[in-house]
Amino acid sequence: MAGQTYRDLLIWQKAMNLVTILYKLTASFPDDEKFGLTSQMRRAAVSVPSNIAEGYGRSSKNDFDRFLHFSLSSLYELETQLQIACNLNYIDNNKTEDAYSLCHELERMLNSFIKTVQAKKK
C-alpha cells in the first residue's frame, strides 16, 4: 500500500496501547522492584511494537518475519511476567484483565501476520 508505514499497522497500534497499560500497571509496584520486575516488564512491553517497527523497516520479508517472531517472544515474556507480578500480589488479577486480553489478541494477530509474511516470501 503506497504511503503506508508501520504506524498504520493495527498490530503496532495495539502493541503501543499495551505499552501504555503496562506502564500504568507497573507504576504501583514496590520501589525495590524498580530495577527488577518493573524494568523487565516495561522492556518486554516496549519490545513488542519496537520489533514490529524495526522489522517493517527491514529490506527483506525474511528479516520482517524474524522481527515479528522477536515481538511474539517478547509478548510471551510479558505474559509470564504479568503472572509473576500477580503471584507476588504486586497487582490484583482484576487489574490485569485488559493487559491479558490485549496480549491474547496481539498473539493471535501476530501469528496471523507472520503467516501472511511467510506466504509472501514464497
N, C-alpha and C. Protein backbone atom coordinates (compact mmCIF):
# COMPACT_ATOMS: atom_id res chain seq x y z
N MET A 1 0.84 -1.17 0.00
CA MET A 1 0.00 0.00 0.00
C MET A 1 0.90 1.25 0.00
N ALA A 2 0.69 2.09 -0.96
CA ALA A 2 1.54 3.27 -1.10
C ALA A 2 1.37 4.20 0.10
N GLY A 3 2.48 4.66 0.61
CA GLY A 3 2.46 5.61 1.71
C GLY A 3 2.22 4.99 3.08
N GLN A 4 2.03 3.69 3.13
CA GLN A 4 1.79 3.04 4.42
C GLN A 4 3.09 2.94 5.21
N THR A 5 2.97 3.12 6.51
CA THR A 5 4.12 2.96 7.39
C THR A 5 3.75 1.95 8.47
N TYR A 6 4.72 1.61 9.28
CA TYR A 6 4.45 0.67 10.39
C TYR A 6 3.38 1.22 11.31
N ARG A 7 3.26 2.54 11.39
CA ARG A 7 2.26 3.17 12.26
C ARG A 7 0.83 2.86 11.81
N ASP A 8 0.68 2.50 10.55
CA ASP A 8 -0.63 2.15 10.02
C ASP A 8 -1.04 0.71 10.35
N LEU A 9 -0.10 -0.09 10.82
CA LEU A 9 -0.39 -1.48 11.15
C LEU A 9 -1.18 -1.56 12.45
N LEU A 10 -2.31 -2.23 12.42
CA LEU A 10 -3.14 -2.37 13.60
C LEU A 10 -2.39 -3.09 14.73
N ILE A 11 -1.55 -4.06 14.38
CA ILE A 11 -0.80 -4.77 15.43
C ILE A 11 0.17 -3.82 16.15
N TRP A 12 0.77 -2.90 15.41
CA TRP A 12 1.66 -1.92 16.03
C TRP A 12 0.87 -1.00 16.96
N GLN A 13 -0.30 -0.54 16.49
CA GLN A 13 -1.13 0.36 17.29
C GLN A 13 -1.58 -0.32 18.58
N LYS A 14 -2.01 -1.56 18.49
CA LYS A 14 -2.45 -2.30 19.68
C LYS A 14 -1.27 -2.57 20.62
N ALA A 15 -0.11 -2.85 20.04
CA ALA A 15 1.08 -3.06 20.87
C ALA A 15 1.45 -1.78 21.61
N MET A 16 1.27 -0.65 20.98
CA MET A 16 1.53 0.63 21.66
C MET A 16 0.54 0.84 22.81
N ASN A 17 -0.70 0.44 22.62
CA ASN A 17 -1.69 0.51 23.71
C ASN A 17 -1.27 -0.38 24.88
N LEU A 18 -0.72 -1.54 24.55
CA LEU A 18 -0.26 -2.46 25.59
C LEU A 18 0.86 -1.82 26.42
N VAL A 19 1.75 -1.10 25.77
CA VAL A 19 2.83 -0.42 26.49
C VAL A 19 2.25 0.56 27.51
N THR A 20 1.27 1.33 27.09
CA THR A 20 0.64 2.30 27.99
C THR A 20 0.00 1.61 29.19
N ILE A 21 -0.72 0.54 28.92
CA ILE A 21 -1.37 -0.22 30.01
C ILE A 21 -0.32 -0.74 30.98
N LEU A 22 0.78 -1.29 30.44
CA LEU A 22 1.81 -1.88 31.30
C LEU A 22 2.54 -0.84 32.14
N TYR A 23 2.80 0.31 31.56
CA TYR A 23 3.45 1.37 32.34
C TYR A 23 2.55 1.79 33.50
N LYS A 24 1.26 1.89 33.26
CA LYS A 24 0.33 2.27 34.33
C LYS A 24 0.25 1.18 35.40
N LEU A 25 0.21 -0.09 34.97
CA LEU A 25 0.15 -1.19 35.93
C LEU A 25 1.39 -1.25 36.81
N THR A 26 2.55 -1.05 36.22
CA THR A 26 3.79 -1.19 36.97
C THR A 26 4.13 0.05 37.81
N ALA A 27 3.40 1.13 37.61
CA ALA A 27 3.68 2.36 38.36
C ALA A 27 3.48 2.16 39.87
N SER A 28 2.64 1.20 40.22
CA SER A 28 2.36 0.98 41.65
C SER A 28 3.21 -0.13 42.26
N PHE A 29 4.13 -0.68 41.50
CA PHE A 29 4.99 -1.74 42.03
C PHE A 29 5.89 -1.18 43.14
N PRO A 30 6.33 -2.04 44.05
CA PRO A 30 7.23 -1.58 45.12
C PRO A 30 8.50 -0.94 44.56
N ASP A 31 9.02 0.03 45.29
CA ASP A 31 10.23 0.73 44.86
C ASP A 31 11.41 -0.23 44.65
N ASP A 32 11.48 -1.28 45.46
CA ASP A 32 12.61 -2.19 45.32
C ASP A 32 12.52 -3.04 44.05
N GLU A 33 11.43 -2.93 43.32
CA GLU A 33 11.29 -3.63 42.03
C GLU A 33 11.58 -2.71 40.85
N LYS A 34 11.95 -1.47 41.13
CA LYS A 34 12.19 -0.51 40.06
C LYS A 34 13.19 -1.02 39.02
N PHE A 35 14.24 -1.67 39.48
CA PHE A 35 15.26 -2.17 38.56
C PHE A 35 15.13 -3.68 38.34
N GLY A 36 14.05 -4.24 38.86
CA GLY A 36 13.79 -5.68 38.71
C GLY A 36 12.63 -5.91 37.76
N LEU A 37 11.54 -6.39 38.33
CA LEU A 37 10.39 -6.79 37.54
C LEU A 37 9.76 -5.61 36.79
N THR A 38 9.71 -4.45 37.42
CA THR A 38 9.14 -3.28 36.74
C THR A 38 9.89 -2.99 35.45
N SER A 39 11.21 -2.93 35.55
CA SER A 39 12.04 -2.65 34.38
C SER A 39 11.92 -3.73 33.33
N GLN A 40 11.91 -4.98 33.77
CA GLN A 40 11.82 -6.11 32.83
C GLN A 40 10.49 -6.09 32.08
N MET A 41 9.41 -5.85 32.79
CA MET A 41 8.09 -5.84 32.16
C MET A 41 7.97 -4.69 31.17
N ARG A 42 8.49 -3.55 31.55
CA ARG A 42 8.42 -2.39 30.65
C ARG A 42 9.26 -2.62 29.40
N ARG A 43 10.44 -3.21 29.57
CA ARG A 43 11.29 -3.50 28.40
C ARG A 43 10.61 -4.50 27.48
N ALA A 44 10.00 -5.53 28.05
CA ALA A 44 9.31 -6.54 27.23
C ALA A 44 8.14 -5.89 26.48
N ALA A 45 7.38 -5.05 27.17
CA ALA A 45 6.25 -4.39 26.53
C ALA A 45 6.71 -3.47 25.39
N VAL A 46 7.74 -2.70 25.64
CA VAL A 46 8.27 -1.78 24.63
C VAL A 46 8.83 -2.55 23.44
N SER A 47 9.36 -3.73 23.70
CA SER A 47 9.95 -4.55 22.66
C SER A 47 8.93 -5.02 21.62
N VAL A 48 7.69 -5.20 22.03
CA VAL A 48 6.67 -5.71 21.10
C VAL A 48 6.47 -4.75 19.92
N PRO A 49 6.06 -3.49 20.14
CA PRO A 49 5.90 -2.59 18.98
C PRO A 49 7.23 -2.21 18.34
N SER A 50 8.29 -2.16 19.13
CA SER A 50 9.60 -1.79 18.58
C SER A 50 10.07 -2.79 17.54
N ASN A 51 9.89 -4.08 17.82
CA ASN A 51 10.31 -5.10 16.86
C ASN A 51 9.41 -5.13 15.62
N ILE A 52 8.13 -4.83 15.80
CA ILE A 52 7.24 -4.72 14.64
C ILE A 52 7.74 -3.59 13.74
N ALA A 53 8.03 -2.45 14.34
CA ALA A 53 8.50 -1.29 13.56
C ALA A 53 9.85 -1.57 12.91
N GLU A 54 10.77 -2.15 13.66
CA GLU A 54 12.10 -2.42 13.10
C GLU A 54 12.02 -3.43 11.95
N GLY A 55 11.23 -4.48 12.15
CA GLY A 55 11.07 -5.47 11.08
C GLY A 55 10.44 -4.88 9.83
N TYR A 56 9.48 -3.99 10.03
CA TYR A 56 8.82 -3.33 8.90
C TYR A 56 9.83 -2.54 8.07
N GLY A 57 10.80 -1.97 8.76
CA GLY A 57 11.80 -1.15 8.08
C GLY A 57 12.92 -1.93 7.42
N ARG A 58 12.94 -3.23 7.61
CA ARG A 58 13.99 -4.06 7.02
C ARG A 58 13.71 -4.27 5.54
N SER A 59 14.77 -4.65 4.83
CA SER A 59 14.66 -4.74 3.37
C SER A 59 14.13 -6.07 2.86
N SER A 60 13.98 -7.07 3.73
CA SER A 60 13.53 -8.36 3.23
C SER A 60 12.39 -8.92 4.08
N LYS A 61 11.59 -9.76 3.47
CA LYS A 61 10.49 -10.44 4.17
C LYS A 61 11.06 -11.38 5.25
N ASN A 62 12.23 -11.97 4.98
CA ASN A 62 12.86 -12.85 5.98
C ASN A 62 13.17 -12.07 7.26
N ASP A 63 13.71 -10.86 7.09
CA ASP A 63 14.01 -10.03 8.26
C ASP A 63 12.73 -9.63 8.99
N PHE A 64 11.71 -9.24 8.23
CA PHE A 64 10.45 -8.85 8.84
C PHE A 64 9.88 -10.02 9.64
N ASP A 65 9.89 -11.21 9.05
CA ASP A 65 9.42 -12.42 9.72
C ASP A 65 10.18 -12.65 11.03
N ARG A 66 11.47 -12.50 10.98
CA ARG A 66 12.32 -12.72 12.17
C ARG A 66 11.95 -11.73 13.28
N PHE A 67 11.77 -10.46 12.92
CA PHE A 67 11.44 -9.45 13.93
C PHE A 67 10.02 -9.61 14.47
N LEU A 68 9.11 -10.12 13.64
CA LEU A 68 7.77 -10.42 14.15
C LEU A 68 7.83 -11.54 15.18
N HIS A 69 8.71 -12.50 14.95
CA HIS A 69 8.90 -13.57 15.94
C HIS A 69 9.52 -13.02 17.23
N PHE A 70 10.44 -12.07 17.11
CA PHE A 70 11.00 -11.42 18.31
C PHE A 70 9.88 -10.75 19.10
N SER A 71 9.00 -10.07 18.38
CA SER A 71 7.88 -9.39 19.01
C SER A 71 6.98 -10.38 19.74
N LEU A 72 6.70 -11.50 19.11
CA LEU A 72 5.87 -12.54 19.72
C LEU A 72 6.55 -13.11 20.96
N SER A 73 7.85 -13.32 20.89
CA SER A 73 8.60 -13.82 22.05
C SER A 73 8.54 -12.84 23.21
N SER A 74 8.66 -11.56 22.93
CA SER A 74 8.56 -10.54 23.98
C SER A 74 7.17 -10.53 24.60
N LEU A 75 6.17 -10.77 23.79
CA LEU A 75 4.81 -10.84 24.29
C LEU A 75 4.63 -12.01 25.25
N TYR A 76 5.20 -13.17 24.91
CA TYR A 76 5.15 -14.32 25.81
C TYR A 76 5.90 -14.03 27.12
N GLU A 77 7.02 -13.36 26.99
CA GLU A 77 7.80 -12.98 28.17
C GLU A 77 6.96 -12.09 29.07
N LEU A 78 6.29 -11.13 28.48
CA LEU A 78 5.46 -10.19 29.23
C LEU A 78 4.30 -10.89 29.93
N GLU A 79 3.67 -11.83 29.26
CA GLU A 79 2.57 -12.57 29.88
C GLU A 79 3.06 -13.33 31.11
N THR A 80 4.24 -13.90 31.01
CA THR A 80 4.83 -14.61 32.14
C THR A 80 5.11 -13.66 33.29
N GLN A 81 5.65 -12.50 32.97
CA GLN A 81 5.96 -11.51 34.00
C GLN A 81 4.69 -10.96 34.65
N LEU A 82 3.63 -10.83 33.88
CA LEU A 82 2.34 -10.41 34.45
C LEU A 82 1.87 -11.42 35.51
N GLN A 83 2.02 -12.69 35.17
CA GLN A 83 1.61 -13.73 36.12
C GLN A 83 2.48 -13.69 37.37
N ILE A 84 3.76 -13.47 37.19
CA ILE A 84 4.67 -13.35 38.34
C ILE A 84 4.25 -12.18 39.23
N ALA A 85 3.93 -11.05 38.63
CA ALA A 85 3.51 -9.88 39.39
C ALA A 85 2.22 -10.16 40.16
N CYS A 86 1.32 -10.90 39.55
CA CYS A 86 0.08 -11.29 40.25
C CYS A 86 0.38 -12.25 41.39
N ASN A 87 1.26 -13.21 41.14
CA ASN A 87 1.62 -14.18 42.18
C ASN A 87 2.25 -13.50 43.39
N LEU A 88 2.98 -12.42 43.14
CA LEU A 88 3.64 -11.68 44.22
C LEU A 88 2.73 -10.62 44.83
N ASN A 89 1.49 -10.56 44.36
CA ASN A 89 0.50 -9.58 44.81
C ASN A 89 0.91 -8.14 44.56
N TYR A 90 1.68 -7.91 43.53
CA TYR A 90 2.03 -6.54 43.14
C TYR A 90 0.86 -5.87 42.43
N ILE A 91 0.07 -6.69 41.77
CA ILE A 91 -1.14 -6.19 41.12
C ILE A 91 -2.25 -7.21 41.31
N ASP A 92 -3.45 -6.71 41.36
CA ASP A 92 -4.62 -7.56 41.51
C ASP A 92 -4.97 -8.18 40.16
N ASN A 93 -5.38 -9.42 40.18
CA ASN A 93 -5.75 -10.11 38.94
C ASN A 93 -6.79 -9.33 38.13
N ASN A 94 -7.72 -8.66 38.82
CA ASN A 94 -8.75 -7.89 38.12
C ASN A 94 -8.15 -6.74 37.32
N LYS A 95 -7.05 -6.18 37.80
CA LYS A 95 -6.42 -5.06 37.10
C LYS A 95 -5.62 -5.50 35.87
N THR A 96 -5.38 -6.79 35.75
CA THR A 96 -4.60 -7.29 34.61
C THR A 96 -5.46 -7.76 33.46
N GLU A 97 -6.78 -7.74 33.62
CA GLU A 97 -7.67 -8.25 32.58
C GLU A 97 -7.44 -7.59 31.23
N ASP A 98 -7.36 -6.26 31.21
CA ASP A 98 -7.15 -5.56 29.95
C ASP A 98 -5.81 -5.94 29.32
N ALA A 99 -4.79 -6.05 30.15
CA ALA A 99 -3.46 -6.39 29.64
C ALA A 99 -3.46 -7.81 29.07
N TYR A 100 -4.02 -8.77 29.82
CA TYR A 100 -4.07 -10.15 29.33
C TYR A 100 -4.89 -10.25 28.05
N SER A 101 -6.02 -9.58 28.04
CA SER A 101 -6.89 -9.62 26.87
C SER A 101 -6.17 -9.08 25.63
N LEU A 102 -5.48 -7.97 25.81
CA LEU A 102 -4.74 -7.38 24.70
C LEU A 102 -3.55 -8.26 24.30
N CYS A 103 -2.90 -8.89 25.25
CA CYS A 103 -1.81 -9.82 24.94
C CYS A 103 -2.32 -10.98 24.08
N HIS A 104 -3.45 -11.54 24.46
CA HIS A 104 -4.00 -12.67 23.71
C HIS A 104 -4.44 -12.25 22.31
N GLU A 105 -5.02 -11.07 22.21
CA GLU A 105 -5.41 -10.55 20.90
C GLU A 105 -4.17 -10.33 20.03
N LEU A 106 -3.15 -9.73 20.61
CA LEU A 106 -1.91 -9.50 19.87
C LEU A 106 -1.24 -10.80 19.46
N GLU A 107 -1.30 -11.80 20.32
CA GLU A 107 -0.73 -13.10 19.99
C GLU A 107 -1.40 -13.67 18.73
N ARG A 108 -2.73 -13.63 18.70
CA ARG A 108 -3.45 -14.12 17.53
C ARG A 108 -3.11 -13.30 16.29
N MET A 109 -3.08 -11.99 16.45
CA MET A 109 -2.79 -11.11 15.32
C MET A 109 -1.37 -11.32 14.79
N LEU A 110 -0.41 -11.42 15.69
CA LEU A 110 0.97 -11.63 15.27
C LEU A 110 1.15 -12.97 14.57
N ASN A 111 0.55 -14.02 15.11
CA ASN A 111 0.65 -15.32 14.45
C ASN A 111 0.05 -15.28 13.05
N SER A 112 -1.07 -14.62 12.91
CA SER A 112 -1.71 -14.49 11.60
C SER A 112 -0.85 -13.66 10.65
N PHE A 113 -0.30 -12.56 11.16
CA PHE A 113 0.53 -11.68 10.34
C PHE A 113 1.82 -12.38 9.92
N ILE A 114 2.39 -13.18 10.81
CA ILE A 114 3.59 -13.95 10.49
C ILE A 114 3.30 -14.91 9.34
N LYS A 115 2.14 -15.57 9.39
CA LYS A 115 1.76 -16.49 8.30
C LYS A 115 1.62 -15.74 6.98
N THR A 116 1.06 -14.55 7.03
CA THR A 116 0.90 -13.74 5.82
C THR A 116 2.26 -13.35 5.25
N VAL A 117 3.16 -12.91 6.10
CA VAL A 117 4.51 -12.51 5.65
C VAL A 117 5.24 -13.74 5.08
N GLN A 118 5.11 -14.88 5.75
CA GLN A 118 5.77 -16.08 5.27
C GLN A 118 5.21 -16.53 3.92
N ALA A 119 3.92 -16.36 3.70
CA ALA A 119 3.31 -16.73 2.43
C ALA A 119 3.82 -15.84 1.30
N LYS A 120 4.09 -14.59 1.62
CA LYS A 120 4.60 -13.65 0.61
C LYS A 120 6.07 -13.91 0.29
N LYS A 121 6.76 -14.64 1.15
CA LYS A 121 8.18 -14.97 0.90
C LYS A 121 8.31 -16.02 -0.18
N LYS A 122 7.26 -16.82 -0.38
CA LYS A 122 7.33 -17.95 -1.31
C LYS A 122 7.15 -17.54 -2.74
